[in-house]
PDB file of N, CA and C in Angstrom:
ATOM      1  N   MET A   1      18.301 -45.643 -71.795  1.00  0.00           N
ATOM      2  CA  MET A   1      19.637 -45.103 -71.814  1.00  0.00           C
ATOM      3  C   MET A   1      20.518 -45.938 -70.886  1.00  0.00           C
ATOM      4  N   ALA A   2      21.729 -46.222 -71.343  1.00  0.00           N
ATOM      5  CA  ALA A   2      22.693 -46.955 -70.527  1.00  0.00           C
ATOM      6  C   ALA A   2      23.565 -45.961 -69.761  1.00  0.00           C
ATOM      7  N   ALA A   3      24.081 -46.389 -68.626  1.00  0.00           N
ATOM      8  CA  ALA A   3      24.939 -45.528 -67.812  1.00  0.00           C
ATOM      9  C   ALA A   3      26.112 -44.997 -68.632  1.00  0.00           C
ATOM     10  N   GLU A   4      26.694 -45.841 -69.463  1.00  0.00           N
ATOM     11  CA  GLU A   4      27.860 -45.446 -70.266  1.00  0.00           C
ATOM     12  C   GLU A   4      27.535 -44.339 -71.255  1.00  0.00           C
ATOM     13  N   ASP A   5      26.268 -44.187 -71.614  1.00  0.00           N
ATOM     14  CA  ASP A   5      25.868 -43.133 -72.551  1.00  0.00           C
ATOM     15  C   ASP A   5      26.091 -41.735 -71.968  1.00  0.00           C
ATOM     16  N   LEU A   6      26.183 -41.623 -70.645  1.00  0.00           N
ATOM     17  CA  LEU A   6      26.360 -40.328 -69.995  1.00  0.00           C
ATOM     18  C   LEU A   6      27.832 -39.987 -69.712  1.00  0.00           C
ATOM     19  N   LEU A   7      28.730 -40.904 -70.079  1.00  0.00           N
ATOM     20  CA  LEU A   7      30.149 -40.710 -69.804  1.00  0.00           C
ATOM     21  C   LEU A   7      30.846 -39.985 -70.949  1.00  0.00           C
ATOM     22  N   PRO A   8      31.914 -39.274 -70.655  1.00  0.00           N
ATOM     23  CA  PRO A   8      32.458 -38.998 -69.331  1.00  0.00           C
ATOM     24  C   PRO A   8      31.618 -37.950 -68.609  1.00  0.00           C
ATOM     25  N   LEU A   9      31.561 -38.084 -67.291  1.00  0.00           N
ATOM     26  CA  LEU A   9      30.838 -37.106 -66.483  1.00  0.00           C
ATOM     27  C   LEU A   9      31.702 -35.871 -66.277  1.00  0.00           C
ATOM     28  N   LYS A  10      31.047 -34.745 -66.120  1.00  0.00           N
ATOM     29  CA  LYS A  10      31.764 -33.545 -65.688  1.00  0.00           C
ATOM     30  C   LYS A  10      32.233 -33.803 -64.259  1.00  0.00           C
ATOM     31  N   PRO A  11      33.430 -33.343 -63.914  1.00  0.00           N
ATOM     32  CA  PRO A  11      33.933 -33.605 -62.555  1.00  0.00           C
ATOM     33  C   PRO A  11      32.965 -33.163 -61.457  1.00  0.00           C
ATOM     34  N   ASP A  12      32.312 -32.015 -61.616  1.00  0.00           N
ATOM     35  CA  ASP A  12      31.365 -31.560 -60.593  1.00  0.00           C
ATOM     36  C   ASP A  12      30.221 -32.557 -60.415  1.00  0.00           C
ATOM     37  N   VAL A  13      29.741 -33.104 -61.510  1.00  0.00           N
ATOM     38  CA  VAL A  13      28.641 -34.064 -61.455  1.00  0.00           C
ATOM     39  C   VAL A  13      29.088 -35.334 -60.732  1.00  0.00           C
ATOM     40  N   PHE A  14      30.305 -35.782 -61.022  1.00  0.00           N
ATOM     41  CA  PHE A  14      30.819 -36.971 -60.349  1.00  0.00           C
ATOM     42  C   PHE A  14      30.951 -36.712 -58.846  1.00  0.00           C
ATOM     43  N   HIS A  15      31.437 -35.536 -58.464  1.00  0.00           N
ATOM     44  CA  HIS A  15      31.539 -35.193 -57.042  1.00  0.00           C
ATOM     45  C   HIS A  15      30.159 -35.190 -56.382  1.00  0.00           C
ATOM     46  N   ILE A  16      29.168 -34.651 -57.059  1.00  0.00           N
ATOM     47  CA  ILE A  16      27.808 -34.625 -56.506  1.00  0.00           C
ATOM     48  C   ILE A  16      27.296 -36.053 -56.309  1.00  0.00           C
ATOM     49  N   LEU A  17      27.460 -36.891 -57.317  1.00  0.00           N
ATOM     50  CA  LEU A  17      27.008 -38.283 -57.203  1.00  0.00           C
ATOM     51  C   LEU A  17      27.712 -38.995 -56.059  1.00  0.00           C
ATOM     52  N   MET A  18      29.031 -38.824 -55.983  1.00  0.00           N
ATOM     53  CA  MET A  18      29.799 -39.494 -54.927  1.00  0.00           C
ATOM     54  C   MET A  18      29.281 -39.070 -53.548  1.00  0.00           C
ATOM     55  N   LEU A  19      29.023 -37.791 -53.385  1.00  0.00           N
ATOM     56  CA  LEU A  19      28.533 -37.280 -52.114  1.00  0.00           C
ATOM     57  C   LEU A  19      27.150 -37.841 -51.790  1.00  0.00           C
ATOM     58  N   LEU A  20      26.270 -37.864 -52.790  1.00  0.00           N
ATOM     59  CA  LEU A  20      24.909 -38.344 -52.559  1.00  0.00           C
ATOM     60  C   LEU A  20      24.853 -39.851 -52.324  1.00  0.00           C
ATOM     61  N   LEU A  21      25.908 -40.577 -52.700  1.00  0.00           N
ATOM     62  CA  LEU A  21      25.953 -42.007 -52.374  1.00  0.00           C
ATOM     63  C   LEU A  21      26.010 -42.217 -50.864  1.00  0.00           C
ATOM     64  N   ASP A  22      26.477 -41.209 -50.130  1.00  0.00           N
ATOM     65  CA  ASP A  22      26.532 -41.287 -48.672  1.00  0.00           C
ATOM     66  C   ASP A  22      25.189 -40.995 -48.025  1.00  0.00           C
ATOM     67  N   GLY A  23      24.254 -40.430 -48.790  1.00  0.00           N
ATOM     68  CA  GLY A  23      22.934 -40.147 -48.240  1.00  0.00           C
ATOM     69  C   GLY A  23      22.356 -38.868 -48.818  1.00  0.00           C
ATOM     70  N   PRO A  24      21.040 -38.685 -48.680  1.00  0.00           N
ATOM     71  CA  PRO A  24      20.358 -37.511 -49.232  1.00  0.00           C
ATOM     72  C   PRO A  24      20.842 -36.214 -48.592  1.00  0.00           C
ATOM     73  N   ARG A  25      20.813 -35.141 -49.400  1.00  0.00           N
ATOM     74  CA  ARG A  25      21.212 -33.817 -48.909  1.00  0.00           C
ATOM     75  C   ARG A  25      20.450 -32.756 -49.681  1.00  0.00           C
ATOM     76  N   HIS A  26      20.352 -31.578 -49.076  1.00  0.00           N
ATOM     77  CA  HIS A  26      19.780 -30.472 -49.839  1.00  0.00           C
ATOM     78  C   HIS A  26      20.925 -29.651 -50.425  1.00  0.00           C
ATOM     79  N   GLY A  27      20.585 -28.772 -51.354  1.00  0.00           N
ATOM     80  CA  GLY A  27      21.570 -28.081 -52.179  1.00  0.00           C
ATOM     81  C   GLY A  27      22.678 -27.384 -51.428  1.00  0.00           C
ATOM     82  N   TYR A  28      22.332 -26.592 -50.431  1.00  0.00           N
ATOM     83  CA  TYR A  28      23.360 -25.839 -49.714  1.00  0.00           C
ATOM     84  C   TYR A  28      24.364 -26.775 -49.041  1.00  0.00           C
ATOM     85  N   VAL A  29      23.859 -27.865 -48.480  1.00  0.00           N
ATOM     86  CA  VAL A  29      24.730 -28.841 -47.818  1.00  0.00           C
ATOM     87  C   VAL A  29      25.619 -29.534 -48.850  1.00  0.00           C
ATOM     88  N   ILE A  30      25.090 -29.785 -50.040  1.00  0.00           N
ATOM     89  CA  ILE A  30      25.906 -30.387 -51.104  1.00  0.00           C
ATOM     90  C   ILE A  30      27.104 -29.486 -51.392  1.00  0.00           C
ATOM     91  N   MET A  31      26.866 -28.186 -51.552  1.00  0.00           N
ATOM     92  CA  MET A  31      27.966 -27.252 -51.831  1.00  0.00           C
ATOM     93  C   MET A  31      29.007 -27.287 -50.718  1.00  0.00           C
ATOM     94  N   GLN A  32      28.560 -27.232 -49.478  1.00  0.00           N
ATOM     95  CA  GLN A  32      29.488 -27.226 -48.344  1.00  0.00           C
ATOM     96  C   GLN A  32      30.272 -28.534 -48.255  1.00  0.00           C
ATOM     97  N   ASP A  33      29.571 -29.656 -48.377  1.00  0.00           N
ATOM     98  CA  ASP A  33      30.220 -30.958 -48.213  1.00  0.00           C
ATOM     99  C   ASP A  33      31.207 -31.260 -49.331  1.00  0.00           C
ATOM    100  N   ILE A  34      30.912 -30.826 -50.548  1.00  0.00           N
ATOM    101  CA  ILE A  34      31.852 -31.057 -51.647  1.00  0.00           C
ATOM    102  C   ILE A  34      33.119 -30.254 -51.419  1.00  0.00           C
ATOM    103  N   GLU A  35      32.970 -29.020 -51.011  1.00  0.00           N
ATOM    104  CA  GLU A  35      34.163 -28.211 -50.747  1.00  0.00           C
ATOM    105  C   GLU A  35      34.996 -28.840 -49.624  1.00  0.00           C
ATOM    106  N   GLU A  36      34.329 -29.276 -48.579  1.00  0.00           N
ATOM    107  CA  GLU A  36      35.038 -29.883 -47.448  1.00  0.00           C
ATOM    108  C   GLU A  36      35.697 -31.207 -47.837  1.00  0.00           C
ATOM    109  N   SER A  37      34.957 -32.081 -48.507  1.00  0.00           N
ATOM    110  CA  SER A  37      35.493 -33.403 -48.841  1.00  0.00           C
ATOM    111  C   SER A  37      36.601 -33.338 -49.887  1.00  0.00           C
ATOM    112  N   SER A  38      36.645 -32.259 -50.674  1.00  0.00           N
ATOM    113  CA  SER A  38      37.695 -32.125 -51.686  1.00  0.00           C
ATOM    114  C   SER A  38      38.875 -31.304 -51.168  1.00  0.00           C
ATOM    115  N   GLY A  39      38.843 -30.966 -49.896  1.00  0.00           N
ATOM    116  CA  GLY A  39      39.920 -30.164 -49.334  1.00  0.00           C
ATOM    117  C   GLY A  39      39.979 -28.774 -49.948  1.00  0.00           C
ATOM    118  N   GLY A  40      38.845 -28.272 -50.402  1.00  0.00           N
ATOM    119  CA  GLY A  40      38.774 -26.943 -50.994  1.00  0.00           C
ATOM    120  C   GLY A  40      39.098 -26.901 -52.473  1.00  0.00           C
ATOM    121  N   GLU A  41      39.423 -28.046 -53.075  1.00  0.00           N
ATOM    122  CA  GLU A  41      39.749 -28.082 -54.503  1.00  0.00           C
ATOM    123  C   GLU A  41      38.536 -27.835 -55.385  1.00  0.00           C
ATOM    124  N   VAL A  42      37.370 -28.245 -54.916  1.00  0.00           N
ATOM    125  CA  VAL A  42      36.142 -28.099 -55.698  1.00  0.00           C
ATOM    126  C   VAL A  42      35.197 -27.176 -54.944  1.00  0.00           C
ATOM    127  N   ARG A  43      34.828 -26.086 -55.597  1.00  0.00           N
ATOM    128  CA  ARG A  43      33.862 -25.142 -55.026  1.00  0.00           C
ATOM    129  C   ARG A  43      32.758 -24.946 -56.053  1.00  0.00           C
ATOM    130  N   LEU A  44      31.560 -25.280 -55.669  1.00  0.00           N
ATOM    131  CA  LEU A  44      30.415 -25.106 -56.542  1.00  0.00           C
ATOM    132  C   LEU A  44      29.658 -23.851 -56.145  1.00  0.00           C
ATOM    133  N   LEU A  45      29.400 -23.009 -57.105  1.00  0.00           N
ATOM    134  CA  LEU A  45      28.549 -21.853 -56.873  1.00  0.00           C
ATOM    135  C   LEU A  45      27.100 -22.286 -57.044  1.00  0.00           C
ATOM    136  N   PRO A  46      26.168 -21.599 -56.399  1.00  0.00           N
ATOM    137  CA  PRO A  46      24.767 -22.028 -56.458  1.00  0.00           C
ATOM    138  C   PRO A  46      24.230 -22.204 -57.873  1.00  0.00           C
ATOM    139  N   GLY A  47      24.517 -21.290 -58.765  1.00  0.00           N
ATOM    140  CA  GLY A  47      23.998 -21.411 -60.130  1.00  0.00           C
ATOM    141  C   GLY A  47      24.467 -22.673 -60.811  1.00  0.00           C
ATOM    142  N   ALA A  48      25.758 -22.978 -60.690  1.00  0.00           N
ATOM    143  CA  ALA A  48      26.321 -24.189 -61.304  1.00  0.00           C
ATOM    144  C   ALA A  48      25.735 -25.434 -60.653  1.00  0.00           C
ATOM    145  N   LEU A  49      25.648 -25.423 -59.334  1.00  0.00           N
ATOM    146  CA  LEU A  49      25.107 -26.587 -58.631  1.00  0.00           C
ATOM    147  C   LEU A  49      23.697 -26.904 -59.116  1.00  0.00           C
ATOM    148  N   TYR A  50      22.837 -25.897 -59.154  1.00  0.00           N
ATOM    149  CA  TYR A  50      21.442 -26.168 -59.508  1.00  0.00           C
ATOM    150  C   TYR A  50      21.277 -26.505 -60.986  1.00  0.00           C
ATOM    151  N   ARG A  51      22.152 -26.012 -61.849  1.00  0.00           N
ATOM    152  CA  ARG A  51      22.139 -26.462 -63.255  1.00  0.00           C
ATOM    153  C   ARG A  51      22.504 -27.942 -63.334  1.00  0.00           C
ATOM    154  N   HIS A  52      23.542 -28.332 -62.594  1.00  0.00           N
ATOM    155  CA  HIS A  52      23.934 -29.749 -62.578  1.00  0.00           C
ATOM    156  C   HIS A  52      22.813 -30.619 -62.015  1.00  0.00           C
ATOM    157  N   LEU A  53      22.218 -30.176 -60.907  1.00  0.00           N
ATOM    158  CA  LEU A  53      21.143 -30.962 -60.294  1.00  0.00           C
ATOM    159  C   LEU A  53      19.961 -31.115 -61.250  1.00  0.00           C
ATOM    160  N   GLU A  54      19.609 -30.052 -61.951  1.00  0.00           N
ATOM    161  CA  GLU A  54      18.492 -30.117 -62.898  1.00  0.00           C
ATOM    162  C   GLU A  54      18.782 -31.130 -64.008  1.00  0.00           C
ATOM    163  N   ARG A  55      19.994 -31.094 -64.516  1.00  0.00           N
ATOM    164  CA  ARG A  55      20.381 -32.040 -65.576  1.00  0.00           C
ATOM    165  C   ARG A  55      20.398 -33.472 -65.044  1.00  0.00           C
ATOM    166  N   MET A  56      20.910 -33.637 -63.831  1.00  0.00           N
ATOM    167  CA  MET A  56      20.952 -34.964 -63.225  1.00  0.00           C
ATOM    168  C   MET A  56      19.548 -35.504 -62.963  1.00  0.00           C
ATOM    169  N   LEU A  57      18.621 -34.626 -62.582  1.00  0.00           N
ATOM    170  CA  LEU A  57      17.218 -35.028 -62.426  1.00  0.00           C
ATOM    171  C   LEU A  57      16.655 -35.476 -63.769  1.00  0.00           C
ATOM    172  N   ASP A  58      16.903 -34.684 -64.814  1.00  0.00           N
ATOM    173  CA  ASP A  58      16.407 -35.009 -66.156  1.00  0.00           C
ATOM    174  C   ASP A  58      16.957 -36.342 -66.651  1.00  0.00           C
ATOM    175  N   ASP A  59      18.222 -36.626 -66.320  1.00  0.00           N
ATOM    176  CA  ASP A  59      18.871 -37.862 -66.764  1.00  0.00           C
ATOM    177  C   ASP A  59      18.535 -39.060 -65.886  1.00  0.00           C
ATOM    178  N   GLY A  60      17.831 -38.825 -64.764  1.00  0.00           N
ATOM    179  CA  GLY A  60      17.425 -39.919 -63.884  1.00  0.00           C
ATOM    180  C   GLY A  60      18.508 -40.387 -62.922  1.00  0.00           C
ATOM    181  N   MET A  61      19.571 -39.594 -62.750  1.00  0.00           N
ATOM    182  CA  MET A  61      20.646 -39.986 -61.836  1.00  0.00           C
ATOM    183  C   MET A  61      20.292 -39.704 -60.383  1.00  0.00           C
ATOM    184  N   ILE A  62      19.445 -38.697 -60.167  1.00  0.00           N
ATOM    185  CA  ILE A  62      19.037 -38.339 -58.813  1.00  0.00           C
ATOM    186  C   ILE A  62      17.534 -38.112 -58.811  1.00  0.00           C
ATOM    187  N   GLU A  63      16.980 -38.079 -57.621  1.00  0.00           N
ATOM    188  CA  GLU A  63      15.578 -37.716 -57.459  1.00  0.00           C
ATOM    189  C   GLU A  63      15.481 -36.682 -56.357  1.00  0.00           C
ATOM    190  N   GLU A  64      14.386 -35.977 -56.398  1.00  0.00           N
ATOM    191  CA  GLU A  64      14.167 -34.858 -55.489  1.00  0.00           C
ATOM    192  C   GLU A  64      13.017 -35.220 -54.560  1.00  0.00           C
ATOM    193  N   ARG A  65      13.207 -34.952 -53.297  1.00  0.00           N
ATOM    194  CA  ARG A  65      12.170 -35.225 -52.307  1.00  0.00           C
ATOM    195  C   ARG A  65      12.044 -34.054 -51.360  1.00  0.00           C
ATOM    196  N   MET A  66      10.883 -33.909 -50.797  1.00  0.00           N
ATOM    197  CA  MET A  66      10.677 -32.940 -49.732  1.00  0.00           C
ATOM    198  C   MET A  66      11.028 -33.650 -48.428  1.00  0.00           C
ATOM    199  N   PRO A  67      11.716 -32.959 -47.511  1.00  0.00           N
ATOM    200  CA  PRO A  67      11.980 -33.593 -46.217  1.00  0.00           C
ATOM    201  C   PRO A  67      10.669 -33.972 -45.545  1.00  0.00           C
ATOM    202  N   ASP A  68      10.682 -35.051 -44.806  1.00  0.00           N
ATOM    203  CA  ASP A  68       9.473 -35.515 -44.114  1.00  0.00           C
ATOM    204  C   ASP A  68       8.860 -34.400 -43.295  1.00  0.00           C
ATOM    205  N   GLY A  69       7.581 -34.175 -43.494  1.00  0.00           N
ATOM    206  CA  GLY A  69       6.837 -33.199 -42.722  1.00  0.00           C
ATOM    207  C   GLY A  69       7.043 -31.757 -43.150  1.00  0.00           C
ATOM    208  N   SER A  70       7.811 -31.524 -44.216  1.00  0.00           N
ATOM    209  CA  SER A  70       8.080 -30.153 -44.645  1.00  0.00           C
ATOM    210  C   SER A  70       7.230 -29.791 -45.850  1.00  0.00           C
ATOM    211  N   SER A  71       6.801 -28.546 -45.879  1.00  0.00           N
ATOM    212  CA  SER A  71       6.097 -28.044 -47.056  1.00  0.00           C
ATOM    213  C   SER A  71       6.908 -26.921 -47.703  1.00  0.00           C
ATOM    214  N   ASP A  72       8.113 -26.685 -47.207  1.00  0.00           N
ATOM    215  CA  ASP A  72       8.980 -25.629 -47.707  1.00  0.00           C
ATOM    216  C   ASP A  72       9.708 -26.126 -48.954  1.00  0.00           C
ATOM    217  N   THR A  73       9.313 -25.617 -50.127  1.00  0.00           N
ATOM    218  CA  THR A  73       9.907 -26.085 -51.388  1.00  0.00           C
ATOM    219  C   THR A  73      11.374 -25.692 -51.525  1.00  0.00           C
ATOM    220  N   ARG A  74      11.847 -24.773 -50.694  1.00  0.00           N
ATOM    221  CA  ARG A  74      13.258 -24.399 -50.736  1.00  0.00           C
ATOM    222  C   ARG A  74      14.131 -25.445 -50.062  1.00  0.00           C
ATOM    223  N   ARG A  75      13.555 -26.388 -49.382  1.00  0.00           N
ATOM    224  CA  ARG A  75      14.316 -27.395 -48.635  1.00  0.00           C
ATOM    225  C   ARG A  75      14.292 -28.743 -49.345  1.00  0.00           C
ATOM    226  N   ARG A  76      14.280 -28.718 -50.665  1.00  0.00           N
ATOM    227  CA  ARG A  76      14.271 -29.973 -51.398  1.00  0.00           C
ATOM    228  C   ARG A  76      15.530 -30.780 -51.110  1.00  0.00           C
ATOM    229  N   VAL A  77      15.353 -32.066 -51.007  1.00  0.00           N
ATOM    230  CA  VAL A  77      16.445 -32.983 -50.715  1.00  0.00           C
ATOM    231  C   VAL A  77      16.675 -33.840 -51.958  1.00  0.00           C
ATOM    232  N   TYR A  78      17.939 -34.063 -52.280  1.00  0.00           N
ATOM    233  CA  TYR A  78      18.305 -34.842 -53.452  1.00  0.00           C
ATOM    234  C   TYR A  78      18.956 -36.141 -53.000  1.00  0.00           C
ATOM    235  N   ARG A  79      18.613 -37.212 -53.718  1.00  0.00           N
ATOM    236  CA  ARG A  79      19.265 -38.484 -53.424  1.00  0.00           C
ATOM    237  C   ARG A  79      19.523 -39.223 -54.727  1.00  0.00           C
ATOM    238  N   VAL A  80      20.529 -40.062 -54.693  1.00  0.00           N
ATOM    239  CA  VAL A  80      20.926 -40.800 -55.880  1.00  0.00           C
ATOM    240  C   VAL A  80      19.930 -41.931 -56.139  1.00  0.00           C
ATOM    241  N   THR A  81      19.673 -42.187 -57.406  1.00  0.00           N
ATOM    242  CA  THR A  81      18.789 -43.288 -57.808  1.00  0.00           C
ATOM    243  C   THR A  81      19.648 -44.519 -58.103  1.00  0.00           C
ATOM    244  N   PRO A  82      19.025 -45.682 -58.243  1.00  0.00           N
ATOM    245  CA  PRO A  82      19.800 -46.858 -58.652  1.00  0.00           C
ATOM    246  C   PRO A  82      20.544 -46.615 -59.980  1.00  0.00           C
ATOM    247  N   PHE A  83      19.909 -45.914 -60.914  1.00  0.00           N
ATOM    248  CA  PHE A  83      20.579 -45.596 -62.169  1.00  0.00           C
ATOM    249  C   PHE A  83      21.769 -44.667 -61.922  1.00  0.00           C
ATOM    250  N   GLY A  84      21.609 -43.701 -61.027  1.00  0.00           N
ATOM    251  CA  GLY A  84      22.714 -42.806 -60.692  1.00  0.00           C
ATOM    252  C   GLY A  84      23.894 -43.560 -60.108  1.00  0.00           C
ATOM    253  N   ARG A  85      23.599 -44.571 -59.298  1.00  0.00           N
ATOM    254  CA  ARG A  85      24.660 -45.426 -58.743  1.00  0.00           C
ATOM    255  C   ARG A  85      25.393 -46.143 -59.879  1.00  0.00           C
ATOM    256  N   GLU A  86      24.649 -46.632 -60.869  1.00  0.00           N
ATOM    257  CA  GLU A  86      25.270 -47.285 -62.029  1.00  0.00           C
ATOM    258  C   GLU A  86      26.171 -46.312 -62.785  1.00  0.00           C
ATOM    259  N   VAL A  87      25.701 -45.085 -62.963  1.00  0.00           N
ATOM    260  CA  VAL A  87      26.471 -44.065 -63.675  1.00  0.00           C
ATOM    261  C   VAL A  87      27.758 -43.758 -62.905  1.00  0.00           C
ATOM    262  N   ALA A  88      27.654 -43.596 -61.585  1.00  0.00           N
ATOM    263  CA  ALA A  88      28.839 -43.315 -60.764  1.00  0.00           C
ATOM    264  C   ALA A  88      29.838 -44.457 -60.854  1.00  0.00           C
ATOM    265  N   ARG A  89      29.344 -45.675 -60.820  1.00  0.00           N
ATOM    266  CA  ARG A  89      30.235 -46.844 -60.924  1.00  0.00           C
ATOM    267  C   ARG A  89      30.908 -46.882 -62.287  1.00  0.00           C
ATOM    268  N   ALA A  90      30.152 -46.641 -63.343  1.00  0.00           N
ATOM    269  CA  ALA A  90      30.715 -46.650 -64.697  1.00  0.00           C
ATOM    270  C   ALA A  90      31.791 -45.568 -64.844  1.00  0.00           C
ATOM    271  N   GLU A  91      31.545 -44.395 -64.264  1.00  0.00           N
ATOM    272  CA  GLU A  91      32.538 -43.321 -64.328  1.00  0.00           C
ATOM    273  C   GLU A  91      33.778 -43.678 -63.523  1.00  0.00           C
ATOM    274  N   ALA A  92      33.604 -44.280 -62.353  1.00  0.00           N
ATOM    275  CA  ALA A  92      34.753 -44.686 -61.542  1.00  0.00           C
ATOM    276  C   ALA A  92      35.605 -45.710 -62.290  1.00  0.00           C
ATOM    277  N   LEU A  93      34.955 -46.650 -62.954  1.00  0.00           N
ATOM    278  CA  LEU A  93      35.695 -47.652 -63.743  1.00  0.00           C
ATOM    279  C   LEU A  93      36.417 -47.000 -64.919  1.00  0.00           C
ATOM    280  N   ARG A  94      35.768 -46.023 -65.549  1.00  0.00           N
ATOM    281  CA  ARG A  94      36.409 -45.301 -66.658  1.00  0.00           C
ATOM    282  C   ARG A  94      37.643 -44.566 -66.154  1.00  0.00           C
ATOM    283  N   LEU A  95      37.508 -43.895 -65.018  1.00  0.00           N
ATOM    284  CA  LEU A  95      38.640 -43.170 -64.447  1.00  0.00           C
ATOM    285  C   LEU A  95      39.761 -44.118 -64.022  1.00  0.00           C
ATOM    286  N   GLU A  96      39.394 -45.277 -63.551  1.00  0.00           N
ATOM    287  CA  GLU A  96      40.391 -46.285 -63.184  1.00  0.00           C
ATOM    288  C   GLU A  96      41.216 -46.693 -64.411  1.00  0.00           C
ATOM    289  N   ARG A  97      40.545 -46.853 -65.540  1.00  0.00           N
ATOM    290  CA  ARG A  97      41.267 -47.204 -66.780  1.00  0.00           C
ATOM    291  C   ARG A  97      42.186 -46.064 -67.217  1.00  0.00           C
ATOM    292  N   VAL A  98      41.716 -44.832 -67.084  1.00  0.00           N
ATOM    293  CA  VAL A  98      42.550 -43.668 -67.424  1.00  0.00           C
ATOM    294  C   VAL A  98      43.775 -43.629 -66.522  1.00  0.00           C
ATOM    295  N   LEU A  99      43.584 -43.855 -65.230  1.00  0.00           N
ATOM    296  CA  LEU A  99      44.694 -43.849 -64.289  1.00  0.00           C
ATOM    297  C   LEU A  99      45.697 -44.953 -64.622  1.00  0.00           C
ATOM    298  N   GLU A 100      45.206 -46.109 -65.022  1.00  0.00           N
ATOM    299  CA  GLU A 100      46.111 -47.209 -65.388  1.00  0.00           C
ATOM    300  C   GLU A 100      46.965 -46.816 -66.597  1.00  0.00           C
ATOM    301  N   ARG A 101      46.366 -46.146 -67.569  1.00  0.00           N
ATOM    302  CA  ARG A 101      47.153 -45.690 -68.731  1.00  0.00           C
ATOM    303  C   ARG A 101      48.187 -44.655 -68.300  1.00  0.00           C
ATOM    304  N   ALA A 102      47.837 -43.792 -67.354  1.00  0.00           N
ATOM    305  CA  ALA A 102      48.789 -42.802 -66.835  1.00  0.00           C
ATOM    306  C   ALA A 102      49.944 -43.504 -66.116  1.00  0.00           C
ATOM    307  N   ARG A 103      49.648 -44.554 -65.389  1.00  0.00           N
ATOM    308  CA  ARG A 103      50.716 -45.325 -64.717  1.00  0.00           C
ATOM    309  C   ARG A 103      51.634 -45.980 -65.735  1.00  0.00           C
ATOM    310  N   GLN A 104      51.059 -46.524 -66.796  1.00  0.00           N
ATOM    311  CA  GLN A 104      51.868 -47.165 -67.836  1.00  0.00           C
ATOM    312  C   GLN A 104      52.828 -46.172 -68.477  1.00  0.00           C
ATOM    313  N   ARG A 105      52.441 -44.923 -68.505  1.00  0.00           N
ATOM    314  CA  ARG A 105      53.289 -43.873 -69.097  1.00  0.00           C
ATOM    315  C   ARG A 105      54.121 -43.165 -68.034  1.00  0.00           C
ATOM    316  N   GLN A 106      54.117 -43.741 -66.833  1.00  0.00           N
ATOM    317  CA  GLN A 106      54.909 -43.258 -65.696  1.00  0.00           C
ATOM    318  C   GLN A 106      54.591 -41.795 -65.338  1.00  0.00           C
ATOM    319  N   LEU A 107      53.339 -41.426 -65.528  1.00  0.00           N
ATOM    320  CA  LEU A 107      52.900 -40.090 -65.094  1.00  0.00           C
ATOM    321  C   LEU A 107      52.616 -40.083 -63.602  1.00  0.00           C
ATOM    322  N   VAL A 108      52.169 -41.219 -63.084  1.00  0.00           N
ATOM    323  CA  VAL A 108      51.947 -41.390 -61.651  1.00  0.00           C
ATOM    324  C   VAL A 108      52.476 -42.761 -61.259  1.00  0.00           C
ATOM    325  N   ARG A 109      52.814 -42.883 -59.990  1.00  0.00           N
ATOM    326  CA  ARG A 109      53.359 -44.153 -59.524  1.00  0.00           C
ATOM    327  C   ARG A 109      52.255 -45.095 -59.073  1.00  0.00           C
ATOM    328  N   ASP A 110      52.584 -46.374 -59.124  1.00  0.00           N
ATOM    329  CA  ASP A 110      51.699 -47.382 -58.556  1.00  0.00           C
ATOM    330  C   ASP A 110      51.629 -47.159 -57.048  1.00  0.00           C
ATOM    331  N   PRO A 111      50.469 -47.333 -56.427  1.00  0.00           N
ATOM    332  CA  PRO A 111      50.375 -47.096 -54.981  1.00  0.00           C
ATOM    333  C   PRO A 111      51.297 -48.008 -54.180  1.00  0.00           C
ATOM    334  N   GLY A 112      51.655 -49.158 -54.725  1.00  0.00           N
ATOM    335  CA  GLY A 112      52.511 -50.107 -53.999  1.00  0.00           C
ATOM    336  C   GLY A 112      53.995 -49.809 -54.121  1.00  0.00           C
ATOM    337  N   THR A 113      54.371 -48.767 -54.864  1.00  0.00           N
ATOM    338  CA  THR A 113      55.816 -48.493 -55.048  1.00  0.00           C
ATOM    339  C   THR A 113      56.235 -47.226 -54.370  1.00  0.00           C
TER     340      THR A 113
END
């Protein structure tokens, strides 16, 4: 499967990938950090988060690990895979093209103006 085959990503999935590019996290921290980094615009409920994570695991975008020295299965840590990085990059490029079309139609201004 190519990264482009998974596009367009759901916004929540893109936020999760972007966050995990900064480093591994467990589910509860993902929810908190996404809300904080989006200024409260994005709030993931546990059910939605874990559905997204399960799908992302199935698609090979992320992997699941147990924290070092832990046997507590509730503390699973998720991190982005090289394929997940490719998917995030492909989505960012797709969004960049969408934004350029919006600029051409004067929906948003160029950052330099």
